[in-house]
Amino acid sequence: MQTNIQSREQDIIFQARHDILTSLYNRHYVETFLNNKFSEDAPFLALGINIFGFRGVNDIFGYHNGDLCLKELALRLSKFEGVAARLTGGELLWLPESLPTTEFIHSLKSALEAPIDTGGVVINIKVAMGLIYCPKDATTPEEVFKRLNIVLDEAQITRQFVLPFNSELEERYSRRLSIITELKNTLEHAREELSLNYQPKLDLKNGKVTHVEALIRWTNARLGFVSPEDFIAVAEQAGFIESITSWVINKAIDDAARFKEVNIDVSVAINLSAKDIMNPALLPKVLALLKAKNLHAECLSFEITEGDLVRDHDKAVTHLKAFRNEGFEIAIDDFGTGYSSMAYLQNLPVNTLKVDKSFVLKLHQQDGDQKIVKTVISLAHSFDMNVVAEGVENLEALKLLADWGCELAQGYYICKPTTADNLITWFNDNRNTKWL
């Protein structure tokens, strides 16, 4: 009886201290452990770990396999000397016995990222690591947990997969929280804060503007102007991107109808995120809106960042084919900055590549950029694709692109992004401009 009682007590103690799924220590117990570490008055490292894109692992492979990934990650981590705990859903904490070197941290990361064979499928994972050096970065368990959350959030967004904490990260985190709060309010109650600007794309063969890119702008009552580079990524994380895309599509189609009424024949390009592409309701909605305005598919086109297409390549291809079958042009945006390869390109149902502006801004001065852009143009043409060069800021670059057979160019030399009203005026003023 005494043995049974002792066994039950040990089970109760174990369950009180450990996470049920992974058998690592739980957040409550590791908080006590951290308090003891701080009382020792010796420097130590709190290393946060999470699976990059863990939600996607659950969505693609199922929650059962997601749990198996966490259990395997915990098992691998527990083999290293130190204290390991599970803090939240996909977030682990490791407290090494001594301060590890940078080389050891990277070797740990490689060990944790070994492919996971679940028995039915092999899952390749990537982990993000946040480093909190105590007591420099935190002096209480609460600060450790808060700042681990901040640094891992930043690592996920910026793809800096081994990231030490610093005070600037906390400032950016606070701003992102403000953006989330204000953006939610804007989408629900103050959509007049949103607007679209348009940047023309010049056809280098006929010297006419045949396309424009729709670019969202947000000027908030409290935050002022917020760059799309700041709020689009936050919107994707917070689950607002579908609402934003819906607003952009409605506004862009309204403006496309207006352009048609005043005899401006252009295709309006809309930027889509990975979540937008995977949304099966998007295409029927677009087709219905175009029909209501008596517009054809040629009035609209779409741009997708190449990194977005890689996350679930096969599913992205299926959805993009549906758009292409309806007659929409599809462009890969920022080409050359991500996963560019010939094998990758030949399977994509796209008909346009956009050369990233980083290769075009100093095109007339940089031999390296010239070689890259000429190679991209040649590569695109070998796949029967058109090329758009963005970031054209001088006549010299425009002439080079025309000589190399680039189809379209956009940039400040031609026109800065502007409102629909200003675009109409600019378009009429430049109908007969000899750009070259």
Foldseek 3Di string as FASTA:
>chain_A
DVVVVVVVVVVVVQVVQADPLQSAGELVNVQVVVVVVLVVVDKWKKKKKFWQPLVLCCVPVNVVVSSVLQNLLSVLLVVAAFGKYAYDDGMIITTHPHHDDPVVVVVSQVSSQDWDCPPVDTDGIHMAMEMAIPPVQPNHSVSVVVQRVQQRVVCSLVVPRYYYDDPVSVVLVVVLVVLVVQVVCCLVPNVVQKAWWWFFKAFLVVRATAAIEIDMWGATPPPGTDDCVSNVSSCVVVVNNVSVQVVSLLVLLVLLLVCVVLPNHHAYEYEDALVLLLDPVNVVVSVVSCVVSVHAQRNYAYEYAPVSCPSPVVSSQVSVVVSVVSPHAYEHECPPPDDDDLVSVLSHPHAEYEHHLVLQQPVLPDPVSVVVVLVVCVSSVVSNHAYEYENHDDLSSSVSCSVSPHGIYTHVNQNDTGHSVVVVVSNVVCVPPDSD
